[in-house]
Amino acid sequence: MINRINQNLYSRGHMNENQFGFRHQKSTIDAAIVVKEYVQESLAAGDVIALVSLDVKGAFDAAYCPAILKEMRDSGSPKYLYKLT
């Protein structure tokens, strides 16, 4: 099911490149590398850096299903994916 939803999102350009969770071939290591590169570039430019990190364990388990379904419907997801979800 997640593969079909992801394929639909990718094909319509609804997947943000800065999202690392629930993405094929992307992990927390990839996210850490992006942050490291950003910090290095900013420090080299003389910028001040502040970093806040938040890990929400079990966030998907507490997701509000009606809002997910509404977003799927509003964004034009195919009916079969909406019904399957």
PDB file of N, CA and C in Angstrom:
ATOM      1  N   MET A   1       0.823  -1.190   0.000  1.00  0.00           N
ATOM      2  CA  MET A   1       0.000   0.000   0.000  1.00  0.00           C
ATOM      3  C   MET A   1       0.869   1.256   0.000  1.00  0.00           C
ATOM      4  N   ILE A   2       1.898   1.276   0.853  1.00  0.00           N
ATOM      5  CA  ILE A   2       2.742   2.469   0.932  1.00  0.00           C
ATOM      6  C   ILE A   2       3.473   2.707  -0.387  1.00  0.00           C
ATOM      7  N   ASN A   3       3.847   1.622  -1.077  1.00  0.00           N
ATOM      8  CA  ASN A   3       4.517   1.788  -2.371  1.00  0.00           C
ATOM      9  C   ASN A   3       3.599   2.455  -3.388  1.00  0.00           C
ATOM     10  N   ARG A   4       2.333   2.091  -3.399  1.00  0.00           N
ATOM     11  CA  ARG A   4       1.390   2.701  -4.341  1.00  0.00           C
ATOM     12  C   ARG A   4       1.136   4.165  -3.999  1.00  0.00           C
ATOM     13  N   ILE A   5       1.018   4.448  -2.719  1.00  0.00           N
ATOM     14  CA  ILE A   5       0.810   5.846  -2.299  1.00  0.00           C
ATOM     15  C   ILE A   5       2.036   6.671  -2.668  1.00  0.00           C
ATOM     16  N   ASN A   6       3.231   6.158  -2.367  1.00  0.00           N
ATOM     17  CA  ASN A   6       4.462   6.885  -2.705  1.00  0.00           C
ATOM     18  C   ASN A   6       4.589   7.097  -4.201  1.00  0.00           C
ATOM     19  N   GLN A   7       4.282   6.078  -5.008  1.00  0.00           N
ATOM     20  CA  GLN A   7       4.370   6.216  -6.458  1.00  0.00           C
ATOM     21  C   GLN A   7       3.445   7.322  -6.939  1.00  0.00           C
ATOM     22  N   ASN A   8       2.253   7.373  -6.371  1.00  0.00           N
ATOM     23  CA  ASN A   8       1.300   8.418  -6.738  1.00  0.00           C
ATOM     24  C   ASN A   8       1.827   9.796  -6.350  1.00  0.00           C
ATOM     25  N   LEU A   9       2.397   9.914  -5.165  1.00  0.00           N
ATOM     26  CA  LEU A   9       2.934  11.197  -4.712  1.00  0.00           C
ATOM     27  C   LEU A   9       4.114  11.646  -5.568  1.00  0.00           C
ATOM     28  N   TYR A  10       5.041  10.721  -5.849  1.00  0.00           N
ATOM     29  CA  TYR A  10       6.205  11.050  -6.683  1.00  0.00           C
ATOM     30  C   TYR A  10       5.778  11.469  -8.077  1.00  0.00           C
ATOM     31  N   SER A  11       4.866  10.723  -8.675  1.00  0.00           N
ATOM     32  CA  SER A  11       4.486  10.986 -10.062  1.00  0.00           C
ATOM     33  C   SER A  11       3.799  12.337 -10.232  1.00  0.00           C
ATOM     34  N   ARG A  12       3.183  12.845  -9.163  1.00  0.00           N
ATOM     35  CA  ARG A  12       2.494  14.129  -9.255  1.00  0.00           C
ATOM     36  C   ARG A  12       3.289  15.260  -8.606  1.00  0.00           C
ATOM     37  N   GLY A  13       4.520  14.976  -8.191  1.00  0.00           N
ATOM     38  CA  GLY A  13       5.378  16.014  -7.626  1.00  0.00           C
ATOM     39  C   GLY A  13       4.961  16.494  -6.253  1.00  0.00           C
ATOM     40  N   HIS A  14       4.334  15.620  -5.476  1.00  0.00           N
ATOM     41  CA  HIS A  14       3.865  16.013  -4.145  1.00  0.00           C
ATOM     42  C   HIS A  14       4.808  15.578  -3.023  1.00  0.00           C
ATOM     43  N   MET A  15       5.976  15.045  -3.361  1.00  0.00           N
ATOM     44  CA  MET A  15       6.908  14.593  -2.335  1.00  0.00           C
ATOM     45  C   MET A  15       8.040  15.606  -2.221  1.00  0.00           C
ATOM     46  N   ASN A  16       8.212  16.174  -1.050  1.00  0.00           N
ATOM     47  CA  ASN A  16       9.253  17.165  -0.806  1.00  0.00           C
ATOM     48  C   ASN A  16      10.613  16.476  -0.731  1.00  0.00           C
ATOM     49  N   GLU A  17      11.586  17.027  -1.437  1.00  0.00           N
ATOM     50  CA  GLU A  17      12.932  16.450  -1.447  1.00  0.00           C
ATOM     51  C   GLU A  17      13.606  16.501  -0.076  1.00  0.00           C
ATOM     52  N   ASN A  18      13.125  17.352   0.814  1.00  0.00           N
ATOM     53  CA  ASN A  18      13.709  17.461   2.150  1.00  0.00           C
ATOM     54  C   ASN A  18      13.093  16.488   3.140  1.00  0.00           C
ATOM     55  N   GLN A  19      12.207  15.633   2.688  1.00  0.00           N
ATOM     56  CA  GLN A  19      11.633  14.614   3.567  1.00  0.00           C
ATOM     57  C   GLN A  19      12.490  13.367   3.477  1.00  0.00           C
ATOM     58  N   PHE A  20      12.914  12.850   4.616  1.00  0.00           N
ATOM     59  CA  PHE A  20      13.775  11.674   4.636  1.00  0.00           C
ATOM     60  C   PHE A  20      13.052  10.449   5.179  1.00  0.00           C
ATOM     61  N   GLY A  21      12.082  10.634   6.068  1.00  0.00           N
ATOM     62  CA  GLY A  21      11.337   9.504   6.601  1.00  0.00           C
ATOM     63  C   GLY A  21      10.341   8.971   5.589  1.00  0.00           C
ATOM     64  N   PHE A  22      10.128   7.664   5.627  1.00  0.00           N
ATOM     65  CA  PHE A  22       9.164   6.992   4.744  1.00  0.00           C
ATOM     66  C   PHE A  22       9.507   7.180   3.271  1.00  0.00           C
ATOM     67  N   ARG A  23      10.802   7.272   2.964  1.00  0.00           N
ATOM     68  CA  ARG A  23      11.234   7.447   1.572  1.00  0.00           C
ATOM     69  C   ARG A  23      12.217   6.357   1.218  1.00  0.00           C
ATOM     70  N   HIS A  24      12.065   5.831   0.008  1.00  0.00           N
ATOM     71  CA  HIS A  24      12.972   4.813  -0.500  1.00  0.00           C
ATOM     72  C   HIS A  24      14.354   5.431  -0.715  1.00  0.00           C
ATOM     73  N   GLN A  25      15.383   4.737  -0.289  1.00  0.00           N
ATOM     74  CA  GLN A  25      16.773   5.146  -0.477  1.00  0.00           C
ATOM     75  C   GLN A  25      17.147   6.410   0.298  1.00  0.00           C
ATOM     76  N   LYS A  26      16.377   6.769   1.337  1.00  0.00           N
ATOM     77  CA  LYS A  26      16.744   7.906   2.183  1.00  0.00           C
ATOM     78  C   LYS A  26      16.623   7.454   3.635  1.00  0.00           C
ATOM     79  N   SER A  27      17.529   7.945   4.455  1.00  0.00           N
ATOM     80  CA  SER A  27      17.549   7.504   5.850  1.00  0.00           C
ATOM     81  C   SER A  27      17.935   8.669   6.757  1.00  0.00           C
ATOM     82  N   THR A  28      17.983   8.378   8.042  1.00  0.00           N
ATOM     83  CA  THR A  28      18.417   9.399   8.994  1.00  0.00           C
ATOM     84  C   THR A  28      19.872   9.782   8.760  1.00  0.00           C
ATOM     85  N   ILE A  29      20.662   8.867   8.234  1.00  0.00           N
ATOM     86  CA  ILE A  29      22.059   9.180   7.915  1.00  0.00           C
ATOM     87  C   ILE A  29      22.105  10.228   6.807  1.00  0.00           C
ATOM     88  N   ASP A  30      21.257  10.079   5.796  1.00  0.00           N
ATOM     89  CA  ASP A  30      21.197  11.074   4.724  1.00  0.00           C
ATOM     90  C   ASP A  30      20.796  12.439   5.271  1.00  0.00           C
ATOM     91  N   ALA A  31      19.833  12.450   6.182  1.00  0.00           N
ATOM     92  CA  ALA A  31      19.398  13.713   6.789  1.00  0.00           C
ATOM     93  C   ALA A  31      20.546  14.345   7.574  1.00  0.00           C
ATOM     94  N   ALA A  32      21.287  13.533   8.319  1.00  0.00           N
ATOM     95  CA  ALA A  32      22.421  14.052   9.099  1.00  0.00           C
ATOM     96  C   ALA A  32      23.502  14.631   8.194  1.00  0.00           C
ATOM     97  N   ILE A  33      23.739  14.004   7.054  1.00  0.00           N
ATOM     98  CA  ILE A  33      24.740  14.504   6.108  1.00  0.00           C
ATOM     99  C   ILE A  33      24.320  15.865   5.551  1.00  0.00           C
ATOM    100  N   VAL A  34      23.040  16.015   5.226  1.00  0.00           N
ATOM    101  CA  VAL A  34      22.543  17.296   4.720  1.00  0.00           C
ATOM    102  C   VAL A  34      22.730  18.391   5.767  1.00  0.00           C
ATOM    103  N   VAL A  35      22.409  18.073   7.027  1.00  0.00           N
ATOM    104  CA  VAL A  35      22.572  19.052   8.109  1.00  0.00           C
ATOM    105  C   VAL A  35      24.045  19.402   8.280  1.00  0.00           C
ATOM    106  N   LYS A  36      24.910  18.391   8.287  1.00  0.00           N
ATOM    107  CA  LYS A  36      26.353  18.626   8.430  1.00  0.00           C
ATOM    108  C   LYS A  36      26.876  19.555   7.336  1.00  0.00           C
ATOM    109  N   GLU A  37      26.490  19.288   6.083  1.00  0.00           N
ATOM    110  CA  GLU A  37      26.943  20.123   4.974  1.00  0.00           C
ATOM    111  C   GLU A  37      26.440  21.555   5.109  1.00  0.00           C
ATOM    112  N   TYR A  38      25.195  21.716   5.524  1.00  0.00           N
ATOM    113  CA  TYR A  38      24.621  23.050   5.719  1.00  0.00           C
ATOM    114  C   TYR A  38      25.385  23.813   6.801  1.00  0.00           C
ATOM    115  N   VAL A  39      25.653  23.129   7.911  1.00  0.00           N
ATOM    116  CA  VAL A  39      26.375  23.768   9.022  1.00  0.00           C
ATOM    117  C   VAL A  39      27.786  24.157   8.575  1.00  0.00           C
ATOM    118  N   GLN A  40      28.465  23.275   7.880  1.00  0.00           N
ATOM    119  CA  GLN A  40      29.825  23.575   7.417  1.00  0.00           C
ATOM    120  C   GLN A  40      29.834  24.791   6.484  1.00  0.00           C
ATOM    121  N   GLU A  41      28.908  24.829   5.544  1.00  0.00           N
ATOM    122  CA  GLU A  41      28.833  25.962   4.615  1.00  0.00           C
ATOM    123  C   GLU A  41      28.507  27.259   5.344  1.00  0.00           C
ATOM    124  N   SER A  42      27.591  27.187   6.298  1.00  0.00           N
ATOM    125  CA  SER A  42      27.195  28.384   7.037  1.00  0.00           C
ATOM    126  C   SER A  42      28.331  28.908   7.912  1.00  0.00           C
ATOM    127  N   LEU A  43      29.037  28.002   8.587  1.00  0.00           N
ATOM    128  CA  LEU A  43      30.164  28.417   9.423  1.00  0.00           C
ATOM    129  C   LEU A  43      31.281  29.018   8.570  1.00  0.00           C
ATOM    130  N   ALA A  44      31.516  28.424   7.404  1.00  0.00           N
ATOM    131  CA  ALA A  44      32.544  28.959   6.507  1.00  0.00           C
ATOM    132  C   ALA A  44      32.181  30.363   6.031  1.00  0.00           C
ATOM    133  N   ALA A  45      30.881  30.649   5.946  1.00  0.00           N
ATOM    134  CA  ALA A  45      30.420  31.978   5.523  1.00  0.00           C
ATOM    135  C   ALA A  45      30.350  32.947   6.701  1.00  0.00           C
ATOM    136  N   GLY A  46      30.680  32.470   7.914  1.00  0.00           N
ATOM    137  CA  GLY A  46      30.669  33.335   9.093  1.00  0.00           C
ATOM    138  C   GLY A  46      29.308  33.479   9.747  1.00  0.00           C
ATOM    139  N   ASP A  47      28.371  32.626   9.373  1.00  0.00           N
ATOM    140  CA  ASP A  47      27.032  32.684   9.968  1.00  0.00           C
ATOM    141  C   ASP A  47      27.021  32.041  11.350  1.00  0.00           C
ATOM    142  N   VAL A  48      26.022  32.400  12.147  1.00  0.00           N
ATOM    143  CA  VAL A  48      25.803  31.785  13.449  1.00  0.00           C
ATOM    144  C   VAL A  48      24.788  30.669  13.260  1.00  0.00           C
ATOM    145  N   ILE A  49      25.031  29.523  13.862  1.00  0.00           N
ATOM    146  CA  ILE A  49      24.170  28.355  13.678  1.00  0.00           C
ATOM    147  C   ILE A  49      23.527  27.960  15.011  1.00  0.00           C
ATOM    148  N   ALA A  50      22.246  27.663  14.954  1.00  0.00           N
ATOM    149  CA  ALA A  50      21.536  27.067  16.089  1.00  0.00           C
ATOM    150  C   ALA A  50      20.794  25.857  15.543  1.00  0.00           C
ATOM    151  N   LEU A  51      20.839  24.756  16.262  1.00  0.00           N
ATOM    152  CA  LEU A  51      20.211  23.530  15.796  1.00  0.00           C
ATOM    153  C   LEU A  51      19.313  22.974  16.885  1.00  0.00           C
ATOM    154  N   VAL A  52      18.097  22.665  16.502  1.00  0.00           N
ATOM    155  CA  VAL A  52      17.156  22.005  17.396  1.00  0.00           C
ATOM    156  C   VAL A  52      16.775  20.697  16.739  1.00  0.00           C
ATOM    157  N   SER A  53      16.883  19.619  17.465  1.00  0.00           N
ATOM    158  CA  SER A  53      16.555  18.307  16.927  1.00  0.00           C
ATOM    159  C   SER A  53      15.418  17.703  17.742  1.00  0.00           C
ATOM    160  N   LEU A  54      14.460  17.133  17.042  1.00  0.00           N
ATOM    161  CA  LEU A  54      13.301  16.550  17.704  1.00  0.00           C
ATOM    162  C   LEU A  54      13.004  15.200  17.079  1.00  0.00           C
ATOM    163  N   ASP A  55      12.975  14.170  17.886  1.00  0.00           N
ATOM    164  CA  ASP A  55      12.633  12.837  17.409  1.00  0.00           C
ATOM    165  C   ASP A  55      11.311  12.450  18.064  1.00  0.00           C
ATOM    166  N   VAL A  56      10.289  12.359  17.257  1.00  0.00           N
ATOM    167  CA  VAL A  56       8.964  12.053  17.783  1.00  0.00           C
ATOM    168  C   VAL A  56       8.720  10.562  17.598  1.00  0.00           C
ATOM    169  N   LYS A  57       9.007   9.813  18.632  1.00  0.00           N
ATOM    170  CA  LYS A  57       8.855   8.362  18.571  1.00  0.00           C
ATOM    171  C   LYS A  57       7.379   7.995  18.479  1.00  0.00           C
ATOM    172  N   GLY A  58       7.067   7.170  17.526  1.00  0.00           N
ATOM    173  CA  GLY A  58       5.698   6.717  17.365  1.00  0.00           C
ATOM    174  C   GLY A  58       4.751   7.762  16.809  1.00  0.00           C
ATOM    175  N   ALA A  59       5.296   8.786  16.136  1.00  0.00           N
ATOM    176  CA  ALA A  59       4.444   9.867  15.623  1.00  0.00           C
ATOM    177  C   ALA A  59       3.416   9.342  14.631  1.00  0.00           C
ATOM    178  N   PHE A  60       3.821   8.401  13.788  1.00  0.00           N
ATOM    179  CA  PHE A  60       2.886   7.888  12.796  1.00  0.00           C
ATOM    180  C   PHE A  60       1.751   7.120  13.467  1.00  0.00           C
ATOM    181  N   ASP A  61       2.054   6.465  14.600  1.00  0.00           N
ATOM    182  CA  ASP A  61       1.022   5.721  15.325  1.00  0.00           C
ATOM    183  C   ASP A  61      -0.074   6.641  15.847  1.00  0.00           C
ATOM    184  N   ALA A  62       0.279   7.905  16.079  1.00  0.00           N
ATOM    185  CA  ALA A  62      -0.682   8.853  16.635  1.00  0.00           C
ATOM    186  C   ALA A  62      -1.230   9.801  15.571  1.00  0.00           C
ATOM    187  N   ALA A  63      -0.975   9.503  14.307  1.00  0.00           N
ATOM    188  CA  ALA A  63      -1.444  10.374  13.221  1.00  0.00           C
ATOM    189  C   ALA A  63      -2.968  10.430  13.220  1.00  0.00           C
ATOM    190  N   TYR A  64      -3.499  11.589  12.898  1.00  0.00           N
ATOM    191  CA  TYR A  64      -4.945  11.802  12.882  1.00  0.00           C
ATOM    192  C   TYR A  64      -5.479  11.357  11.521  1.00  0.00           C
ATOM    193  N   CYS A  65      -6.065  10.181  11.492  1.00  0.00           N
ATOM    194  CA  CYS A  65      -6.496   9.553  10.230  1.00  0.00           C
ATOM    195  C   CYS A  65      -7.468  10.407   9.417  1.00  0.00           C
ATOM    196  N   PRO A  66      -8.462  11.055  10.025  1.00  0.00           N
ATOM    197  CA  PRO A  66      -9.356  11.886   9.208  1.00  0.00           C
ATOM    198  C   PRO A  66      -8.615  12.991   8.448  1.00  0.00           C
ATOM    199  N   ALA A  67      -7.581  13.566   9.034  1.00  0.00           N
ATOM    200  CA  ALA A  67      -6.816  14.616   8.355  1.00  0.00           C
ATOM    201  C   ALA A  67      -6.013  14.031   7.188  1.00  0.00           C
ATOM    202  N   ILE A  68      -5.471  12.839   7.375  1.00  0.00           N
ATOM    203  CA  ILE A  68      -4.730  12.180   6.293  1.00  0.00           C
ATOM    204  C   ILE A  68      -5.662  11.895   5.125  1.00  0.00           C
ATOM    205  N   LEU A  69      -6.838  11.358   5.430  1.00  0.00           N
ATOM    206  CA  LEU A  69      -7.810  11.055   4.376  1.00  0.00           C
ATOM    207  C   LEU A  69      -8.286  12.321   3.672  1.00  0.00           C
ATOM    208  N   LYS A  70      -8.495  13.387   4.425  1.00  0.00           N
ATOM    209  CA  LYS A  70      -8.919  14.655   3.824  1.00  0.00           C
ATOM    210  C   LYS A  70      -7.850  15.167   2.871  1.00  0.00           C
ATOM    211  N   GLU A  71      -6.598  15.107   3.282  1.00  0.00           N
ATOM    212  CA  GLU A  71      -5.497  15.569   2.428  1.00  0.00           C
ATOM    213  C   GLU A  71      -5.406  14.719   1.164  1.00  0.00           C
ATOM    214  N   MET A  72      -5.597  13.411   1.313  1.00  0.00           N
ATOM    215  CA  MET A  72      -5.578  12.537   0.137  1.00  0.00           C
ATOM    216  C   MET A  72      -6.696  12.917  -0.824  1.00  0.00           C
ATOM    217  N   ARG A  73      -7.880  13.146  -0.295  1.00  0.00           N
ATOM    218  CA  ARG A  73      -9.022  13.508  -1.139  1.00  0.00           C
ATOM    219  C   ARG A  73      -8.793  14.868  -1.795  1.00  0.00           C
ATOM    220  N   ASP A  74      -8.355  15.849  -0.998  1.00  0.00           N
ATOM    221  CA  ASP A  74      -8.161  17.210  -1.514  1.00  0.00           C
ATOM    222  C   ASP A  74      -7.037  17.298  -2.545  1.00  0.00           C
ATOM    223  N   SER A  75      -6.041  16.429  -2.430  1.00  0.00           N
ATOM    224  CA  SER A  75      -4.912  16.490  -3.359  1.00  0.00           C
ATOM    225  C   SER A  75      -5.145  15.665  -4.622  1.00  0.00           C
ATOM    226  N   GLY A  76      -6.300  15.029  -4.698  1.00  0.00           N
ATOM    227  CA  GLY A  76      -6.638  14.298  -5.919  1.00  0.00           C
ATOM    228  C   GLY A  76      -6.072  12.899  -5.999  1.00  0.00           C
ATOM    229  N   SER A  77      -5.805  12.281  -4.857  1.00  0.00           N
ATOM    230  CA  SER A  77      -5.339  10.894  -4.882  1.00  0.00           C
ATOM    231  C   SER A  77      -6.405  10.015  -5.536  1.00  0.00           C
ATOM    232  N   PRO A  78      -5.991   8.974  -6.218  1.00  0.00           N
ATOM    233  CA  PRO A  78      -6.968   8.089  -6.843  1.00  0.00           C
ATOM    234  C   PRO A  78      -7.926   7.492  -5.801  1.00  0.00           C
ATOM    235  N   LYS A  79      -9.157   7.288  -6.208  1.00  0.00           N
ATOM    236  CA  LYS A  79     -10.176   6.775  -5.281  1.00  0.00           C
ATOM    237  C   LYS A  79      -9.789   5.434  -4.693  1.00  0.00           C
ATOM    238  N   TYR A  80      -9.146   4.567  -5.497  1.00  0.00           N
ATOM    239  CA  TYR A  80      -8.797   3.252  -4.968  1.00  0.00           C
ATOM    240  C   TYR A  80      -7.790   3.355  -3.818  1.00  0.00           C
ATOM    241  N   LEU A  81      -6.849   4.330  -3.883  1.00  0.00           N
ATOM    242  CA  LEU A  81      -5.894   4.512  -2.783  1.00  0.00           C
ATOM    243  C   LEU A  81      -6.600   5.096  -1.564  1.00  0.00           C
ATOM    244  N   TYR A  82      -7.496   6.025  -1.805  1.00  0.00           N
ATOM    245  CA  TYR A  82      -8.261   6.616  -0.703  1.00  0.00           C
ATOM    246  C   TYR A  82      -9.056   5.538   0.021  1.00  0.00           C
ATOM    247  N   LYS A  83      -9.752   4.713  -0.729  1.00  0.00           N
ATOM    248  CA  LYS A  83     -10.572   3.646  -0.134  1.00  0.00           C
ATOM    249  C   LYS A  83      -9.701   2.598   0.558  1.00  0.00           C
ATOM    250  N   LEU A  84      -8.574   2.286  -0.038  1.00  0.00           N
ATOM    251  CA  LEU A  84      -7.659   1.308   0.549  1.00  0.00           C
ATOM    252  C   LEU A  84      -7.097   1.810   1.873  1.00  0.00           C
ATOM    253  N   THR A  85      -6.809   3.093   1.929  1.00  0.00           N
ATOM    254  CA  THR A  85      -6.268   3.689   3.146  1.00  0.00           C
ATOM    255  C   THR A  85      -7.315   3.714   4.231  1.00  0.00           C
TER     256      THR A  85
END
